[in-house]
Amino acid sequence: MTAYIIEIQEAKNGDLFIEFPDDLVDTLGWQEDDILYWRLKGDGVILSKYTDSPGTEATEDSSLY
């Protein structure tokens, strides 16, 4: 298992973001604009690509924050 430590960055407008290493994105088959699902596990975060059934739209649920 490979682990990555990625720093959270802050945009000029105050938004927070992370940049994934290119080799990780390639290995996982992620594309720009993919929607990722995340969950906490211990001191880390588990990320996976969010997949929908055809015709389903993912929306942000503020109750999760």
PDB file of N, CA and C in Angstrom:
ATOM      1  N   MET A   1       0.841  -1.171   0.000  1.00  0.00           N
ATOM      2  CA  MET A   1       0.000   0.000   0.000  1.00  0.00           C
ATOM      3  C   MET A   1       0.893   1.244   0.000  1.00  0.00           C
ATOM      4  N   THR A   2       0.556   2.198  -0.827  1.00  0.00           N
ATOM      5  CA  THR A   2       1.288   3.457  -0.903  1.00  0.00           C
ATOM      6  C   THR A   2       0.509   4.526  -0.159  1.00  0.00           C
ATOM      7  N   ALA A   3       1.210   5.326   0.610  1.00  0.00           N
ATOM      8  CA  ALA A   3       0.575   6.431   1.323  1.00  0.00           C
ATOM      9  C   ALA A   3       1.171   7.736   0.829  1.00  0.00           C
ATOM     10  N   TYR A   4       0.359   8.766   0.785  1.00  0.00           N
ATOM     11  CA  TYR A   4       0.793  10.096   0.379  1.00  0.00           C
ATOM     12  C   TYR A   4       0.432  11.075   1.482  1.00  0.00           C
ATOM     13  N   ILE A   5       1.293  12.038   1.688  1.00  0.00           N
ATOM     14  CA  ILE A   5       0.984  13.162   2.568  1.00  0.00           C
ATOM     15  C   ILE A   5       0.899  14.381   1.673  1.00  0.00           C
ATOM     16  N   ILE A   6      -0.284  15.003   1.637  1.00  0.00           N
ATOM     17  CA  ILE A   6      -0.532  16.130   0.742  1.00  0.00           C
ATOM     18  C   ILE A   6      -0.999  17.310   1.584  1.00  0.00           C
ATOM     19  N   GLU A   7      -0.338  18.441   1.414  1.00  0.00           N
ATOM     20  CA  GLU A   7      -0.694  19.631   2.171  1.00  0.00           C
ATOM     21  C   GLU A   7      -1.948  20.292   1.614  1.00  0.00           C
ATOM     22  N   ILE A   8      -2.759  20.803   2.516  1.00  0.00           N
ATOM     23  CA  ILE A   8      -3.923  21.595   2.119  1.00  0.00           C
ATOM     24  C   ILE A   8      -3.417  22.997   1.800  1.00  0.00           C
ATOM     25  N   GLN A   9      -3.838  23.515   0.662  1.00  0.00           N
ATOM     26  CA  GLN A   9      -3.421  24.843   0.225  1.00  0.00           C
ATOM     27  C   GLN A   9      -4.615  25.792   0.282  1.00  0.00           C
ATOM     28  N   GLU A  10      -4.318  27.078   0.282  1.00  0.00           N
ATOM     29  CA  GLU A  10      -5.374  28.085   0.321  1.00  0.00           C
ATOM     30  C   GLU A  10      -5.258  29.001  -0.891  1.00  0.00           C
ATOM     31  N   ALA A  11      -6.362  29.138  -1.623  1.00  0.00           N
ATOM     32  CA  ALA A  11      -6.414  30.038  -2.772  1.00  0.00           C
ATOM     33  C   ALA A  11      -6.521  31.477  -2.270  1.00  0.00           C
ATOM     34  N   LYS A  12      -6.264  32.420  -3.160  1.00  0.00           N
ATOM     35  CA  LYS A  12      -6.325  33.845  -2.784  1.00  0.00           C
ATOM     36  C   LYS A  12      -7.691  34.246  -2.243  1.00  0.00           C
ATOM     37  N   ASN A  13      -8.757  33.549  -2.708  1.00  0.00           N
ATOM     38  CA  ASN A  13     -10.104  33.884  -2.246  1.00  0.00           C
ATOM     39  C   ASN A  13     -10.474  33.173  -0.940  1.00  0.00           C
ATOM     40  N   GLY A  14      -9.535  32.406  -0.375  1.00  0.00           N
ATOM     41  CA  GLY A  14      -9.776  31.732   0.895  1.00  0.00           C
ATOM     42  C   GLY A  14     -10.220  30.289   0.769  1.00  0.00           C
ATOM     43  N   ASP A  15     -10.566  29.842  -0.445  1.00  0.00           N
ATOM     44  CA  ASP A  15     -10.958  28.443  -0.632  1.00  0.00           C
ATOM     45  C   ASP A  15      -9.765  27.527  -0.368  1.00  0.00           C
ATOM     46  N   LEU A  16     -10.037  26.377   0.231  1.00  0.00           N
ATOM     47  CA  LEU A  16      -8.997  25.391   0.479  1.00  0.00           C
ATOM     48  C   LEU A  16      -9.026  24.336  -0.614  1.00  0.00           C
ATOM     49  N   PHE A  17      -7.844  23.816  -0.957  1.00  0.00           N
ATOM     50  CA  PHE A  17      -7.778  22.784  -1.989  1.00  0.00           C
ATOM     51  C   PHE A  17      -6.531  21.933  -1.794  1.00  0.00           C
ATOM     52  N   ILE A  18      -6.510  20.776  -2.447  1.00  0.00           N
ATOM     53  CA  ILE A  18      -5.325  19.926  -2.470  1.00  0.00           C
ATOM     54  C   ILE A  18      -5.012  19.573  -3.915  1.00  0.00           C
ATOM     55  N   GLU A  19      -3.742  19.396  -4.188  1.00  0.00           N
ATOM     56  CA  GLU A  19      -3.301  18.961  -5.512  1.00  0.00           C
ATOM     57  C   GLU A  19      -2.731  17.554  -5.371  1.00  0.00           C
ATOM     58  N   PHE A  20      -3.249  16.629  -6.176  1.00  0.00           N
ATOM     59  CA  PHE A  20      -2.777  15.259  -6.127  1.00  0.00           C
ATOM     60  C   PHE A  20      -1.586  15.078  -7.055  1.00  0.00           C
ATOM     61  N   PRO A  21      -0.606  14.261  -6.654  1.00  0.00           N
ATOM     62  CA  PRO A  21       0.530  13.978  -7.526  1.00  0.00           C
ATOM     63  C   PRO A  21       0.049  13.311  -8.829  1.00  0.00           C
ATOM     64  N   ASP A  22       0.673  13.683  -9.948  1.00  0.00           N
ATOM     65  CA  ASP A  22       0.274  13.142 -11.246  1.00  0.00           C
ATOM     66  C   ASP A  22       0.316  11.621 -11.281  1.00  0.00           C
ATOM     67  N   ASP A  23       1.337  11.003 -10.663  1.00  0.00           N
ATOM     68  CA  ASP A  23       1.428   9.537 -10.690  1.00  0.00           C
ATOM     69  C   ASP A  23       0.257   8.887  -9.958  1.00  0.00           C
ATOM     70  N   LEU A  24      -0.230   9.515  -8.899  1.00  0.00           N
ATOM     71  CA  LEU A  24      -1.390   8.997  -8.175  1.00  0.00           C
ATOM     72  C   LEU A  24      -2.648   9.101  -9.032  1.00  0.00           C
ATOM     73  N   VAL A  25      -2.842  10.249  -9.651  1.00  0.00           N
ATOM     74  CA  VAL A  25      -4.020  10.460 -10.512  1.00  0.00           C
ATOM     75  C   VAL A  25      -4.013   9.457 -11.661  1.00  0.00           C
ATOM     76  N   ASP A  26      -2.858   9.256 -12.290  1.00  0.00           N
ATOM     77  CA  ASP A  26      -2.747   8.303 -13.398  1.00  0.00           C
ATOM     78  C   ASP A  26      -3.033   6.876 -12.940  1.00  0.00           C
ATOM     79  N   THR A  27      -2.449   6.489 -11.809  1.00  0.00           N
ATOM     80  CA  THR A  27      -2.632   5.130 -11.286  1.00  0.00           C
ATOM     81  C   THR A  27      -4.098   4.842 -10.978  1.00  0.00           C
ATOM     82  N   LEU A  28      -4.796   5.829 -10.428  1.00  0.00           N
ATOM     83  CA  LEU A  28      -6.199   5.640 -10.045  1.00  0.00           C
ATOM     84  C   LEU A  28      -7.174   5.859 -11.195  1.00  0.00           C
ATOM     85  N   GLY A  29      -6.662   6.385 -12.317  1.00  0.00           N
ATOM     86  CA  GLY A  29      -7.535   6.613 -13.470  1.00  0.00           C
ATOM     87  C   GLY A  29      -8.471   7.787 -13.281  1.00  0.00           C
ATOM     88  N   TRP A  30      -8.097   8.709 -12.397  1.00  0.00           N
ATOM     89  CA  TRP A  30      -8.930   9.886 -12.172  1.00  0.00           C
ATOM     90  C   TRP A  30      -8.745  10.880 -13.301  1.00  0.00           C
ATOM     91  N   GLN A  31      -9.773  11.673 -13.567  1.00  0.00           N
ATOM     92  CA  GLN A  31      -9.750  12.707 -14.591  1.00  0.00           C
ATOM     93  C   GLN A  31     -10.101  14.039 -13.933  1.00  0.00           C
ATOM     94  N   GLU A  32      -9.672  15.131 -14.553  1.00  0.00           N
ATOM     95  CA  GLU A  32     -10.078  16.442 -14.070  1.00  0.00           C
ATOM     96  C   GLU A  32     -11.601  16.501 -14.099  1.00  0.00           C
ATOM     97  N   ASP A  33     -12.201  17.082 -13.113  1.00  0.00           N
ATOM     98  CA  ASP A  33     -13.655  17.222 -12.939  1.00  0.00           C
ATOM     99  C   ASP A  33     -14.328  15.960 -12.401  1.00  0.00           C
ATOM    100  N   ASP A  34     -13.564  14.885 -12.097  1.00  0.00           N
ATOM    101  CA  ASP A  34     -14.166  13.743 -11.411  1.00  0.00           C
ATOM    102  C   ASP A  34     -14.627  14.209 -10.032  1.00  0.00           C
ATOM    103  N   ILE A  35     -15.661  13.593  -9.537  1.00  0.00           N
ATOM    104  CA  ILE A  35     -16.155  13.883  -8.196  1.00  0.00           C
ATOM    105  C   ILE A  35     -15.611  12.798  -7.277  1.00  0.00           C
ATOM    106  N   LEU A  36     -14.988  13.212  -6.170  1.00  0.00           N
ATOM    107  CA  LEU A  36     -14.402  12.265  -5.233  1.00  0.00           C
ATOM    108  C   LEU A  36     -15.233  12.207  -3.958  1.00  0.00           C
ATOM    109  N   TYR A  37     -15.354  11.008  -3.426  1.00  0.00           N
ATOM    110  CA  TYR A  37     -16.028  10.762  -2.155  1.00  0.00           C
ATOM    111  C   TYR A  37     -14.926  10.586  -1.118  1.00  0.00           C
ATOM    112  N   TRP A  38     -15.055  11.194   0.031  1.00  0.00           N
ATOM    113  CA  TRP A  38     -14.046  11.035   1.060  1.00  0.00           C
ATOM    114  C   TRP A  38     -14.686  10.710   2.391  1.00  0.00           C
ATOM    115  N   ARG A  39     -13.921   9.952   3.202  1.00  0.00           N
ATOM    116  CA  ARG A  39     -14.360   9.637   4.552  1.00  0.00           C
ATOM    117  C   ARG A  39     -13.133   9.554   5.449  1.00  0.00           C
ATOM    118  N   LEU A  40     -13.332   9.864   6.703  1.00  0.00           N
ATOM    119  CA  LEU A  40     -12.237   9.830   7.667  1.00  0.00           C
ATOM    120  C   LEU A  40     -12.008   8.417   8.161  1.00  0.00           C
ATOM    121  N   LYS A  41     -10.739   8.054   8.318  1.00  0.00           N
ATOM    122  CA  LYS A  41     -10.379   6.758   8.904  1.00  0.00           C
ATOM    123  C   LYS A  41      -9.155   6.977   9.782  1.00  0.00           C
ATOM    124  N   GLY A  42      -9.359   6.907  11.078  1.00  0.00           N
ATOM    125  CA  GLY A  42      -8.261   7.173  12.014  1.00  0.00           C
ATOM    126  C   GLY A  42      -7.760   8.591  11.824  1.00  0.00           C
ATOM    127  N   ASP A  43      -6.465   8.723  11.590  1.00  0.00           N
ATOM    128  CA  ASP A  43      -5.859  10.034  11.372  1.00  0.00           C
ATOM    129  C   ASP A  43      -5.778  10.382   9.891  1.00  0.00           C
ATOM    130  N   GLY A  44      -6.391   9.577   9.037  1.00  0.00           N
ATOM    131  CA  GLY A  44      -6.285   9.805   7.593  1.00  0.00           C
ATOM    132  C   GLY A  44      -7.634   9.964   6.931  1.00  0.00           C
ATOM    133  N   VAL A  45      -7.588  10.058   5.616  1.00  0.00           N
ATOM    134  CA  VAL A  45      -8.782  10.225   4.790  1.00  0.00           C
ATOM    135  C   VAL A  45      -8.738   9.173   3.685  1.00  0.00           C
ATOM    136  N   ILE A  46      -9.848   8.514   3.457  1.00  0.00           N
ATOM    137  CA  ILE A  46      -9.986   7.560   2.357  1.00  0.00           C
ATOM    138  C   ILE A  46     -10.713   8.270   1.227  1.00  0.00           C
ATOM    139  N   LEU A  47     -10.116   8.297   0.046  1.00  0.00           N
ATOM    140  CA  LEU A  47     -10.724   8.928  -1.126  1.00  0.00           C
ATOM    141  C   LEU A  47     -11.067   7.870  -2.155  1.00  0.00           C
ATOM    142  N   SER A  48     -12.208   8.028  -2.790  1.00  0.00           N
ATOM    143  CA  SER A  48     -12.563   7.154  -3.907  1.00  0.00           C
ATOM    144  C   SER A  48     -13.366   7.971  -4.915  1.00  0.00           C
ATOM    145  N   LYS A  49     -13.332   7.524  -6.140  1.00  0.00           N
ATOM    146  CA  LYS A  49     -14.069   8.207  -7.199  1.00  0.00           C
ATOM    147  C   LYS A  49     -15.551   7.943  -6.996  1.00  0.00           C
ATOM    148  N   TYR A  50     -16.345   8.990  -7.054  1.00  0.00           N
ATOM    149  CA  TYR A  50     -17.792   8.883  -6.901  1.00  0.00           C
ATOM    150  C   TYR A  50     -18.380   8.465  -8.238  1.00  0.00           C
ATOM    151  N   THR A  51     -19.093   7.384  -8.248  1.00  0.00           N
ATOM    152  CA  THR A  51     -19.725   6.934  -9.484  1.00  0.00           C
ATOM    153  C   THR A  51     -21.230   6.911  -9.305  1.00  0.00           C
ATOM    154  N   ASP A  52     -21.918   7.379 -10.302  1.00  0.00           N
ATOM    155  CA  ASP A  52     -23.371   7.461 -10.281  1.00  0.00           C
ATOM    156  C   ASP A  52     -23.960   6.492 -11.285  1.00  0.00           C
ATOM    157  N   SER A  53     -25.199   6.153 -11.071  1.00  0.00           N
ATOM    158  CA  SER A  53     -25.952   5.469 -12.106  1.00  0.00           C
ATOM    159  C   SER A  53     -26.209   6.476 -13.217  1.00  0.00           C
ATOM    160  N   PRO A  54     -26.345   6.032 -14.468  1.00  0.00           N
ATOM    161  CA  PRO A  54     -26.631   6.987 -15.552  1.00  0.00           C
ATOM    162  C   PRO A  54     -27.860   7.832 -15.222  1.00  0.00           C
ATOM    163  N   GLY A  55     -27.745   9.138 -15.479  1.00  0.00           N
ATOM    164  CA  GLY A  55     -28.863  10.040 -15.241  1.00  0.00           C
ATOM    165  C   GLY A  55     -28.935  10.576 -13.826  1.00  0.00           C
ATOM    166  N   THR A  56     -27.996  10.188 -12.956  1.00  0.00           N
ATOM    167  CA  THR A  56     -27.981  10.661 -11.580  1.00  0.00           C
ATOM    168  C   THR A  56     -27.022  11.829 -11.468  1.00  0.00           C
ATOM    169  N   GLU A  57     -27.401  12.849 -10.733  1.00  0.00           N
ATOM    170  CA  GLU A  57     -26.546  14.022 -10.552  1.00  0.00           C
ATOM    171  C   GLU A  57     -26.108  14.100  -9.108  1.00  0.00           C
ATOM    172  N   ALA A  58     -24.808  14.242  -8.880  1.00  0.00           N
ATOM    173  CA  ALA A  58     -24.285  14.406  -7.535  1.00  0.00           C
ATOM    174  C   ALA A  58     -24.443  15.849  -7.102  1.00  0.00           C
ATOM    175  N   THR A  59     -24.865  16.055  -5.875  1.00  0.00           N
ATOM    176  CA  THR A  59     -25.010  17.407  -5.343  1.00  0.00           C
ATOM    177  C   THR A  59     -24.293  17.507  -4.013  1.00  0.00           C
ATOM    178  N   GLU A  60     -23.941  18.723  -3.638  1.00  0.00           N
ATOM    179  CA  GLU A  60     -23.273  18.932  -2.358  1.00  0.00           C
ATOM    180  C   GLU A  60     -24.321  18.932  -1.266  1.00  0.00           C
ATOM    181  N   ASP A  61     -24.061  18.190  -0.204  1.00  0.00           N
ATOM    182  CA  ASP A  61     -24.985  18.100   0.920  1.00  0.00           C
ATOM    183  C   ASP A  61     -24.334  18.789   2.116  1.00  0.00           C
ATOM    184  N   SER A  62     -24.779  19.998   2.423  1.00  0.00           N
ATOM    185  CA  SER A  62     -24.156  20.783   3.487  1.00  0.00           C
ATOM    186  C   SER A  62     -24.344  20.138   4.861  1.00  0.00           C
ATOM    187  N   SER A  63     -25.282  19.203   4.997  1.00  0.00           N
ATOM    188  CA  SER A  63     -25.495  18.566   6.289  1.00  0.00           C
ATOM    189  C   SER A  63     -24.336  17.614   6.626  1.00  0.00           C
ATOM    190  N   LEU A  64     -23.473  17.296   5.648  1.00  0.00           N
ATOM    191  CA  LEU A  64     -22.353  16.396   5.897  1.00  0.00           C
ATOM    192  C   LEU A  64     -21.175  17.118   6.531  1.00  0.00           C
ATOM    193  N   TYR A  65     -21.202  18.452   6.566  1.00  0.00           N
ATOM    194  CA  TYR A  65     -20.049  19.211   7.038  1.00  0.00           C
ATOM    195  C   TYR A  65     -20.213  19.641   8.456  1.00  0.00           C
TER     196      TYR A  65
END
